[in-house]
Amino acid sequence: MTAHPGTVLIYTIHNSEGWWREIGRNLGFEGVRLVSDLRGDGNYAIVDDFYAAYRRLYRSAATGTSLLSADEIDDVIARCRVLRWYPRRRATAMALAMAEVMDIVLADAAPVAVLSWPIDRYISDVLERLAVRRAIPYFELTASPVPEMSMLVLRGRLLTRSDVMPSPEAVDAAIHAIADPLFVPAYIPAKSRYTPARFLKVFGYFALRSAVFRAISWIKRDPLNLHYMDAQFSLGHKPRLSDIRMLKLVDRDWRQRMEAFPKDRRLFIALQLFPEASIDYWIQKLELIDHDEILVAAARTFSEAGYIVVVKDHPLQFGFRQVDLIERLRAIPNVAIVPYEVSGNAMLGDVGASFTETGTLGMQAALAGMKSITVEAYYYTPGDYIPLQSVAQIPGLPARLEATPPVDDLRARQERIVTHLLKGSFPGDFMSFRGFDAERPDPGVAALAQRLGDEIAARLTR
């Protein structure tokens, strides 16, 4: 039975339409419409209209329209992991063309809300900007760090409910779950082997995938589709065969080097996935999304201030990280590169402070009572972190760290952080999209959708 008035517009990406249709069927709104930039997917055929607009805008060398200003185009291109590597004229025409077709979709659907995965590409970025212009709320669905829960965010800001106050029992259970040193987010796979053979396997698979996707893009008459473009090894962030030497750059004596410094002079830098939506789209200030430069500047600053900087790469980045960043970090005195197989979570107990822009380990560091430097991500609560708000603040970080007193009431901090998370989280298995079978849908998807519909409706009525 329909519980909520209005239509929800859902933006889907490759291989997710079946899951989203099941979500839509159980969302509880009067109407649900799907839009995709893939030919043949969704309720709207936008691909041919996109190319017609693209050719016209490219020929005219347009720099902006009434839908997106030149300044907005600058921001859209800088944040997109694909457009930033393409010639400016092409990237601009693509963004403006997508704005034209998505504006038509919004006008036709007249939704009360727009729903998608976390914004991670120029298409959903543009769609959200257009929705905001029409005063249409935009919701990004993702996994909550609290196990077996999902959450709604918008560009890195947790969309909490003021009418929700978690019970002490729920707060206590969540603290025990995510403050555990052995806690691992749901998207991290079981322990893997990090060997040259595995690197070659990953590299070979994605090199082949690049060629296959290029062929598919031409067969489908869709060469500018971001899904196919994103697979191309010509993009500047893609790995090279020479990056196999990454395994030779780790410091096997990292623990001895670290233990030569007192605990309060040890800084842990947890590298994030790159490129990554939580950097490109969750950080408001554009200057802070230059991931490599920010990390190198922070490492150099703390090294010069007499710290040992212990760097650990993200386990999902193996086979994708270019060695350039690691080599630049290793060239800084008192920087140690930790092997992949070492648990970043377990390392938190061995250091005095943590630096990450938006990574989950920043939250875990704060929950463990450490001094945690982060950008104001979804888990941020005032007074519990040391916020990085501009590049200009980096040289002063060691002094701010040293001026920050140790936490005097760890339990109170944990309760603040977890209560904040629970006010924006709700029961539901976000990861149910993995292996989804439209012929035999997991009942958990319908359960997630029903709760999701209620959560969206509650936020629309505020």
Protein backbone atom coordinates (compact mmCIF):
# COMPACT_ATOMS: atom_id res chain seq x y z
CA MET A 1 0.00 0.00 0.00
CA THR A 2 1.29 3.44 -0.93
CA ALA A 3 2.20 5.40 2.17
CA HIS A 4 3.90 8.49 0.80
CA PRO A 5 2.70 11.01 -1.81
CA GLY A 6 4.72 12.02 -4.85
CA THR A 7 7.32 10.52 -7.16
CA VAL A 8 10.93 9.64 -6.37
CA LEU A 9 13.48 9.85 -9.20
CA ILE A 10 16.30 7.30 -8.87
CA TYR A 11 19.60 7.63 -10.74
CA THR A 12 21.09 4.21 -11.50
CA ILE A 13 24.52 3.17 -12.72
CA HIS A 14 25.88 0.12 -14.55
CA ASN A 15 24.56 -3.24 -13.38
CA SER A 16 22.37 -1.78 -10.64
CA GLU A 17 19.01 -1.23 -12.33
CA GLY A 18 17.47 -4.51 -11.12
CA TRP A 19 18.35 -3.77 -7.50
CA TRP A 20 17.05 -0.21 -7.75
CA ARG A 21 13.80 -1.39 -9.39
CA GLU A 22 13.25 -3.71 -6.44
CA ILE A 23 13.97 -0.79 -4.11
CA GLY A 24 11.51 1.36 -6.06
CA ARG A 25 8.76 -1.27 -5.96
CA ASN A 26 8.94 -1.35 -2.17
CA LEU A 27 9.74 2.29 -1.44
CA GLY A 28 6.15 3.19 -0.62
CA PHE A 29 5.84 6.31 -2.78
CA GLU A 30 3.09 6.92 -5.32
CA GLY A 31 5.54 6.82 -8.17
CA VAL A 32 9.15 5.87 -8.88
CA ARG A 33 11.04 6.73 -12.05
CA LEU A 34 14.53 5.55 -12.96
CA VAL A 35 17.03 7.49 -15.02
CA SER A 36 20.38 6.21 -16.28
CA ASP A 37 23.03 7.45 -18.67
CA LEU A 38 23.36 3.92 -20.10
CA ARG A 39 21.57 3.21 -23.33
CA GLY A 40 18.45 1.10 -22.75
CA ASP A 41 18.38 1.48 -18.95
CA GLY A 42 15.83 3.44 -16.92
CA ASN A 43 12.51 5.02 -17.84
CA TYR A 44 14.07 7.81 -19.88
CA ALA A 45 15.99 7.48 -23.15
CA ILE A 46 18.51 10.28 -22.69
CA VAL A 47 21.55 9.01 -24.59
CA ASP A 48 20.68 10.27 -28.10
CA ASP A 49 19.54 13.62 -26.71
CA PHE A 50 22.82 13.87 -24.79
CA TYR A 51 24.88 13.39 -27.96
CA ALA A 52 22.80 15.90 -29.91
CA ALA A 53 23.34 18.49 -27.17
CA TYR A 54 27.02 17.57 -26.84
CA ARG A 55 27.75 18.09 -30.55
CA ARG A 56 25.99 21.46 -30.55
CA LEU A 57 27.74 22.65 -27.39
CA TYR A 58 31.13 21.36 -28.53
CA ARG A 59 30.84 23.13 -31.89
CA SER A 60 29.96 26.40 -30.21
CA ALA A 61 32.76 25.99 -27.62
CA ALA A 62 30.24 26.81 -24.91
CA THR A 63 31.70 27.66 -21.50
CA GLY A 64 28.44 27.84 -19.56
CA THR A 65 24.67 28.00 -19.90
CA SER A 66 21.71 29.07 -17.80
CA LEU A 67 21.85 25.64 -16.15
CA LEU A 68 25.54 25.63 -15.20
CA SER A 69 27.76 28.69 -14.95
CA ALA A 70 31.42 28.69 -15.98
CA ASP A 71 32.41 28.58 -12.29
CA GLU A 72 30.15 25.59 -11.69
CA ILE A 73 31.66 23.86 -14.71
CA ASP A 74 35.13 24.40 -13.21
CA ASP A 75 33.97 22.65 -10.05
CA VAL A 76 32.20 19.81 -11.88
CA ILE A 77 35.26 19.01 -14.00
CA ALA A 78 37.75 19.26 -11.14
CA ARG A 79 35.77 16.78 -9.05
CA CYS A 80 35.08 14.14 -11.71
CA ARG A 81 37.72 11.40 -11.89
CA VAL A 82 37.20 11.14 -15.67
CA LEU A 83 36.49 14.67 -16.91
CA ARG A 84 39.53 16.13 -15.16
CA TRP A 85 41.79 14.19 -17.54
CA TYR A 86 40.04 15.20 -20.77
CA PRO A 87 40.50 18.33 -22.91
CA ARG A 88 38.61 21.23 -21.41
CA ARG A 89 36.37 21.83 -24.41
CA ARG A 90 35.17 18.21 -24.49
CA ALA A 91 34.66 17.98 -20.72
CA THR A 92 32.70 21.23 -20.68
CA ALA A 93 30.43 20.15 -23.53
CA MET A 94 29.77 16.81 -21.79
CA ALA A 95 28.80 18.45 -18.50
CA LEU A 96 26.57 21.03 -20.18
CA ALA A 97 24.91 18.40 -22.38
CA MET A 98 24.17 16.21 -19.37
CA ALA A 99 22.68 19.23 -17.60
CA GLU A 100 20.31 19.80 -20.51
CA VAL A 101 18.97 16.24 -20.62
CA MET A 102 18.73 15.87 -16.84
CA ASP A 103 16.85 19.15 -16.58
CA ILE A 104 14.27 17.76 -19.01
CA VAL A 105 14.00 14.59 -16.90
CA LEU A 106 13.45 16.59 -13.72
CA ALA A 107 10.78 18.68 -15.41
CA ASP A 108 8.95 15.58 -16.63
CA ALA A 109 9.23 13.49 -13.45
CA ALA A 110 8.51 16.42 -11.10
CA PRO A 111 9.87 14.36 -8.21
CA VAL A 112 9.52 15.15 -4.53
CA ALA A 113 13.01 13.68 -4.05
CA VAL A 114 15.98 12.34 -6.01
CA LEU A 115 17.79 9.22 -4.81
CA SER A 116 21.09 7.68 -5.89
CA TRP A 117 24.28 5.99 -4.82
CA PRO A 118 26.81 8.41 -3.29
CA ILE A 119 27.70 11.05 -5.87
CA ASP A 120 30.90 9.84 -7.53
CA ARG A 121 30.73 11.18 -11.11
CA TYR A 122 29.83 14.29 -13.03
CA ILE A 123 26.40 12.92 -13.98
CA SER A 124 25.01 12.63 -10.45
CA ASP A 125 26.93 15.79 -9.51
CA VAL A 126 25.10 17.72 -12.23
CA LEU A 127 21.78 16.07 -11.35
CA GLU A 128 22.12 17.13 -7.71
CA ARG A 129 22.93 20.72 -8.66
CA LEU A 130 19.87 20.89 -10.90
CA ALA A 131 17.67 19.35 -8.20
CA VAL A 132 18.85 21.96 -5.71
CA ARG A 133 17.88 24.71 -8.18
CA ARG A 134 14.38 23.27 -8.26
CA ALA A 135 14.29 22.91 -4.45
CA ILE A 136 14.10 19.12 -4.78
CA PRO A 137 15.83 17.25 -1.92
CA TYR A 138 18.63 14.92 -3.01
CA PHE A 139 19.50 11.79 -1.02
CA GLU A 140 22.59 9.59 -1.36
CA LEU A 141 22.18 6.08 0.04
CA THR A 142 25.23 4.33 1.45
CA ALA A 143 26.37 1.93 4.15
CA SER A 144 26.56 3.20 7.70
CA PRO A 145 29.69 2.35 9.69
CA VAL A 146 27.29 0.84 12.22
CA PRO A 147 26.96 -2.82 11.19
CA GLU A 148 23.76 -3.88 9.39
CA MET A 149 22.64 -0.30 8.94
CA SER A 150 22.41 2.16 6.06
CA MET A 151 22.45 5.95 6.04
CA LEU A 152 21.52 8.94 3.92
CA VAL A 153 24.09 11.62 3.17
CA LEU A 154 24.48 14.64 0.93
CA ARG A 155 27.98 15.52 -0.25
CA GLY A 156 29.55 14.05 2.86
CA ARG A 157 27.07 15.53 5.33
CA LEU A 158 25.07 12.98 7.32
CA LEU A 159 21.35 13.68 7.00
CA THR A 160 20.31 13.20 10.60
CA ARG A 161 16.81 13.30 12.05
CA SER A 162 16.13 15.71 14.89
CA ASP A 163 13.12 13.63 15.93
CA VAL A 164 15.25 10.53 16.52
CA MET A 165 17.08 9.91 19.79
CA PRO A 166 18.80 6.53 19.95
CA SER A 167 18.29 4.49 23.10
CA PRO A 168 21.19 4.04 25.51
CA GLU A 169 21.16 0.34 24.63
CA ALA A 170 21.48 1.07 20.89
CA VAL A 171 24.32 3.53 21.53
CA ASP A 172 26.13 1.04 23.73
CA ALA A 173 25.80 -1.76 21.17
CA ALA A 174 27.09 0.46 18.36
CA ILE A 175 30.05 1.61 20.46
CA HIS A 176 31.02 -1.99 21.14
CA ALA A 177 30.71 -2.78 17.42
CA ILE A 178 32.67 0.06 15.82
CA ALA A 179 35.08 0.99 18.61
CA ASP A 180 36.41 -2.57 18.57
CA PRO A 181 40.05 -2.57 17.33
CA LEU A 182 39.13 -5.49 15.07
CA PHE A 183 36.24 -3.60 13.43
CA VAL A 184 36.34 -3.66 9.63
CA PRO A 185 33.87 -1.69 7.46
CA ALA A 186 31.42 -3.83 5.46
CA TYR A 187 33.03 -2.98 2.13
CA ILE A 188 36.48 -4.32 3.09
CA PRO A 189 37.05 -7.92 1.92
CA ALA A 190 38.58 -10.70 3.95
CA LYS A 191 42.35 -10.76 4.29
CA SER A 192 44.13 -11.07 0.94
CA ARG A 193 47.62 -11.92 -0.24
CA TYR A 194 49.66 -9.02 -1.58
CA THR A 195 52.16 -10.48 -4.03
CA PRO A 196 53.62 -9.61 -7.46
CA ALA A 197 51.48 -12.39 -8.94
CA ARG A 198 48.33 -10.81 -7.56
CA PHE A 199 49.39 -7.39 -8.85
CA LEU A 200 49.85 -8.83 -12.34
CA LYS A 201 46.49 -10.58 -12.13
CA VAL A 202 44.72 -7.34 -11.15
CA PHE A 203 46.62 -5.31 -13.73
CA GLY A 204 45.97 -7.81 -16.52
CA TYR A 205 42.28 -8.07 -15.74
CA PHE A 206 41.73 -4.32 -15.80
CA ALA A 207 43.88 -3.84 -18.89
CA LEU A 208 41.71 -6.37 -20.70
CA ARG A 209 38.58 -4.76 -19.25
CA SER A 210 39.72 -1.41 -20.63
CA ALA A 211 39.96 -2.79 -24.16
CA VAL A 212 36.65 -4.65 -23.90
CA PHE A 213 34.82 -1.60 -22.61
CA ARG A 214 36.24 0.54 -25.39
CA ALA A 215 34.84 -1.95 -27.92
CA ILE A 216 31.47 -2.10 -26.14
CA SER A 217 31.23 1.69 -26.12
CA TRP A 218 31.50 1.76 -29.90
CA ILE A 219 29.15 -1.18 -30.42
CA LYS A 220 26.55 0.60 -28.28
CA ARG A 221 27.23 3.93 -30.02
CA ASP A 222 28.06 5.47 -26.66
CA PRO A 223 31.79 6.34 -26.63
CA LEU A 224 31.35 9.21 -24.16
CA ASN A 225 29.58 7.14 -21.53
CA LEU A 226 31.39 7.62 -18.25
CA HIS A 227 31.20 3.94 -17.31
CA TYR A 228 33.25 3.00 -20.39
CA MET A 229 35.52 6.03 -20.23
CA ASP A 230 36.32 5.34 -16.57
CA ALA A 231 37.81 1.97 -17.50
CA GLN A 232 40.38 3.43 -19.89
CA PHE A 233 44.05 3.15 -18.92
CA SER A 234 44.72 6.50 -20.57
CA LEU A 235 43.34 8.30 -17.50
CA GLY A 236 46.10 9.88 -15.50
CA HIS A 237 45.40 8.08 -12.24
CA LYS A 238 45.45 4.57 -13.68
CA PRO A 239 48.26 2.17 -12.67
CA ARG A 240 51.15 1.27 -14.92
CA LEU A 241 52.97 -2.02 -15.18
CA SER A 242 56.00 -0.39 -13.53
CA ASP A 243 53.90 0.16 -10.40
CA ILE A 244 54.50 -3.50 -9.55
CA ARG A 245 57.54 -2.25 -7.65
CA MET A 246 55.13 -0.93 -5.00
CA LEU A 247 55.83 -4.04 -2.92
CA LYS A 248 59.52 -3.15 -2.80
CA LEU A 249 58.76 0.27 -1.34
CA VAL A 250 57.29 -0.93 1.96
CA ASP A 251 59.52 -0.75 5.03
CA ARG A 252 59.82 -4.12 6.69
CA ASP A 253 61.50 -2.46 9.67
CA TRP A 254 58.66 0.03 10.12
CA ARG A 255 57.87 -1.13 13.64
CA GLN A 256 61.45 -0.72 14.89
CA ARG A 257 61.62 2.72 13.33
CA MET A 258 58.28 3.69 14.85
CA GLU A 259 59.18 2.45 18.32
CA ALA A 260 62.27 4.66 18.32
CA PHE A 261 59.87 7.57 18.85
CA PRO A 262 57.63 8.14 21.88
CA LYS A 263 53.99 7.34 21.24
CA ASP A 264 52.92 10.98 21.29
CA ARG A 265 55.36 11.68 18.41
CA ARG A 266 53.90 9.02 16.11
CA LEU A 267 51.45 10.11 13.42
CA PHE A 268 49.47 7.53 11.46
CA ILE A 269 48.40 8.46 7.91
CA ALA A 270 45.85 6.05 6.46
CA LEU A 271 45.72 6.41 2.69
CA GLN A 272 42.27 6.32 1.14
CA LEU A 273 41.03 4.91 -2.12
CA PHE A 274 41.95 7.22 -4.98
CA PRO A 275 40.08 8.47 -6.86
CA GLU A 276 37.30 8.26 -4.31
CA ALA A 277 33.87 9.86 -3.96
CA SER A 278 34.48 10.70 -0.31
CA ILE A 279 37.38 12.91 -1.36
CA ASP A 280 36.10 14.34 -4.65
CA TYR A 281 32.53 15.05 -3.54
CA TRP A 282 32.45 15.04 0.27
CA ILE A 283 35.06 17.75 0.74
CA GLN A 284 33.58 21.18 0.21
CA LYS A 285 36.78 23.13 -0.45
CA LEU A 286 38.17 22.25 -3.85
CA GLU A 287 41.77 22.85 -2.75
CA LEU A 288 41.50 19.95 -0.29
CA ILE A 289 40.64 17.30 -2.88
CA ASP A 290 44.21 17.28 -4.22
CA HIS A 291 44.80 14.08 -2.28
CA ASP A 292 48.47 13.43 -2.99
CA GLU A 293 49.60 17.00 -2.40
CA ILE A 294 47.70 17.22 0.88
CA LEU A 295 49.27 14.00 2.17
CA VAL A 296 52.80 14.94 1.15
CA ALA A 297 52.45 18.38 2.71
CA ALA A 298 51.11 16.89 5.95
CA ALA A 299 53.85 14.24 6.11
CA ARG A 300 56.57 16.82 5.50
CA THR A 301 55.14 19.18 8.11
CA PHE A 302 55.04 16.54 10.83
CA SER A 303 58.44 15.13 9.90
CA GLU A 304 59.99 18.57 10.26
CA ALA A 305 58.25 18.91 13.63
CA GLY A 306 60.01 15.79 14.93
CA TYR A 307 57.40 13.11 14.34
CA ILE A 308 57.65 9.65 12.81
CA VAL A 309 54.98 9.43 10.10
CA VAL A 310 53.66 5.91 9.61
CA VAL A 311 51.80 5.47 6.29
CA LYS A 312 49.45 2.59 5.48
CA ASP A 313 47.80 2.12 2.10
CA HIS A 314 44.15 1.09 1.76
CA PRO A 315 43.80 -2.68 1.18
CA LEU A 316 41.44 -2.12 -1.78
CA GLN A 317 44.01 0.11 -3.46
CA PHE A 318 46.47 -2.72 -4.07
CA GLY A 319 47.11 -2.96 -7.79
CA PHE A 320 45.70 0.52 -8.41
CA ARG A 321 48.06 2.87 -6.59
CA GLN A 322 50.74 4.59 -8.63
CA VAL A 323 54.13 4.44 -6.94
CA ASP A 324 54.74 8.17 -7.35
CA LEU A 325 52.94 9.10 -4.12
CA ILE A 326 54.71 6.39 -2.12
CA GLU A 327 58.10 7.42 -3.50
CA ARG A 328 57.45 11.05 -2.61
CA LEU A 329 56.46 10.07 0.92
CA ARG A 330 59.48 7.77 1.36
CA ALA A 331 61.78 10.62 0.34
CA ILE A 332 60.69 12.56 3.44
CA PRO A 333 62.79 11.84 6.55
CA ASN A 334 61.09 9.79 9.26
CA VAL A 335 58.35 8.40 7.03
CA ALA A 336 57.76 4.64 7.18
CA ILE A 337 55.57 2.72 4.71
CA VAL A 338 53.70 -0.12 6.39
CA PRO A 339 53.15 -3.40 4.48
CA TYR A 340 49.67 -4.02 3.07
CA GLU A 341 49.04 -7.07 5.23
CA VAL A 342 49.27 -5.06 8.47
CA SER A 343 45.86 -4.07 9.86
CA GLY A 344 45.36 -0.31 9.95
CA ASN A 345 42.76 -0.75 12.70
CA ALA A 346 45.18 -2.62 14.95
CA MET A 347 47.84 0.04 14.36
CA LEU A 348 45.75 2.72 16.04
CA GLY A 349 46.83 1.41 19.43
CA ASP A 350 50.49 2.00 18.59
CA VAL A 351 50.35 5.68 17.60
CA GLY A 352 49.39 8.93 19.25
CA ALA A 353 47.53 10.67 16.43
CA SER A 354 45.87 10.00 13.09
CA PHE A 355 45.55 12.00 9.86
CA THR A 356 43.04 11.19 7.14
CA GLU A 357 40.76 13.40 5.12
CA THR A 358 37.49 11.46 5.21
CA GLY A 359 38.51 7.84 5.85
CA THR A 360 36.74 5.61 8.38
CA LEU A 361 39.99 5.25 10.33
CA GLY A 362 39.68 8.92 11.29
CA MET A 363 36.46 8.07 13.12
CA GLN A 364 37.96 4.94 14.66
CA ALA A 365 40.92 6.94 15.94
CA ALA A 366 38.61 9.39 17.72
CA LEU A 367 36.56 6.51 19.16
CA ALA A 368 39.80 5.02 20.51
CA GLY A 369 40.59 8.26 22.33
CA MET A 370 43.28 9.44 19.93
CA LYS A 371 43.79 12.87 18.46
CA SER A 372 42.30 12.62 15.00
CA ILE A 373 42.85 15.14 12.21
CA THR A 374 40.15 14.96 9.53
CA VAL A 375 38.11 17.07 7.19
CA GLU A 376 34.57 17.55 8.52
CA ALA A 377 33.21 14.24 7.20
CA TYR A 378 29.86 12.58 7.96
CA TYR A 379 31.13 11.28 11.31
CA TYR A 380 32.44 14.67 12.49
CA THR A 381 31.27 16.00 15.85
CA PRO A 382 32.64 19.32 17.16
CA GLY A 383 35.33 19.00 19.79
CA ASP A 384 36.09 15.35 19.05
CA TYR A 385 38.38 15.90 16.05
CA ILE A 386 40.96 18.38 14.86
CA PRO A 387 39.35 19.72 11.67
CA LEU A 388 41.41 20.49 8.56
CA GLN A 389 39.56 23.27 6.77
CA SER A 390 42.14 24.64 4.33
CA VAL A 391 45.57 23.98 2.84
CA ALA A 392 46.84 27.02 4.73
CA GLN A 393 46.21 25.18 8.02
CA ILE A 394 48.62 22.33 7.26
CA PRO A 395 51.83 24.03 8.52
CA GLY A 396 50.15 24.70 11.85
CA LEU A 397 48.82 21.18 12.42
CA PRO A 398 51.65 19.97 14.72
CA ALA A 399 51.11 22.94 17.02
CA ARG A 400 47.34 22.38 17.04
CA LEU A 401 47.87 18.70 17.76
CA GLU A 402 50.16 19.45 20.69
CA ALA A 403 47.79 22.11 22.04
CA THR A 404 44.87 19.67 22.01
CA PRO A 405 44.53 18.08 25.47
CA PRO A 406 43.97 14.33 25.80
CA VAL A 407 40.33 13.29 25.90
CA ASP A 408 39.12 13.53 29.49
CA ASP A 409 36.00 11.39 29.12
CA LEU A 410 36.35 8.79 26.36
CA ARG A 411 32.93 7.27 26.97
CA ALA A 412 31.25 10.67 26.54
CA ARG A 413 33.12 11.19 23.24
CA GLN A 414 32.11 7.75 22.01
CA GLU A 415 28.49 8.45 22.88
CA ARG A 416 28.53 11.79 21.03
CA ILE A 417 29.98 10.28 17.86
CA VAL A 418 27.80 7.18 17.85
CA THR A 419 24.62 9.07 18.73
CA HIS A 420 25.30 11.36 15.78
CA LEU A 421 25.75 8.35 13.49
CA LEU A 422 22.60 6.63 14.74
CA LYS A 423 20.50 9.76 14.19
CA GLY A 424 21.28 9.40 10.50
CA SER A 425 21.34 5.59 10.25
CA PHE A 426 18.57 3.01 9.97
CA PRO A 427 18.34 -0.81 9.73
CA GLY A 428 18.93 -2.15 6.24
CA ASP A 429 21.53 -4.06 4.27
CA PHE A 430 23.02 -1.61 1.78
CA MET A 431 25.34 -4.34 0.53
CA SER A 432 22.35 -6.37 -0.68
CA PHE A 433 23.09 -5.08 -4.19
CA ARG A 434 25.99 -7.54 -4.35
CA GLY A 435 24.93 -10.59 -6.31
CA PHE A 436 21.33 -9.35 -6.53
CA ASP A 437 19.09 -11.69 -8.53
CA ALA A 438 15.97 -10.00 -9.93
CA GLU A 439 14.35 -13.42 -10.46
CA ARG A 440 14.81 -14.37 -6.80
CA PRO A 441 15.21 -11.07 -4.93
CA ASP A 442 16.58 -11.19 -1.43
CA PRO A 443 13.75 -10.25 1.01
CA GLY A 444 16.26 -7.97 2.71
CA VAL A 445 16.12 -5.62 -0.27
CA ALA A 446 12.38 -5.05 0.20
CA ALA A 447 12.92 -4.53 3.94
CA LEU A 448 15.63 -1.95 3.21
CA ALA A 449 13.39 -0.20 0.68
CA GLN A 450 10.43 0.05 3.05
CA ARG A 451 12.55 1.60 5.77
CA LEU A 452 14.32 3.81 3.25
CA GLY A 453 10.99 5.15 2.01
CA ASP A 454 9.95 6.00 5.56
CA GLU A 455 13.30 7.71 6.20
CA ILE A 456 13.03 9.84 3.05
CA ALA A 457 9.42 10.77 3.85
CA ALA A 458 10.40 11.78 7.40
CA ARG A 459 13.06 14.11 6.06
CA LEU A 460 10.69 15.59 3.47
CA THR A 461 8.17 16.59 6.11
CA ARG A 462 10.63 18.44 8.30
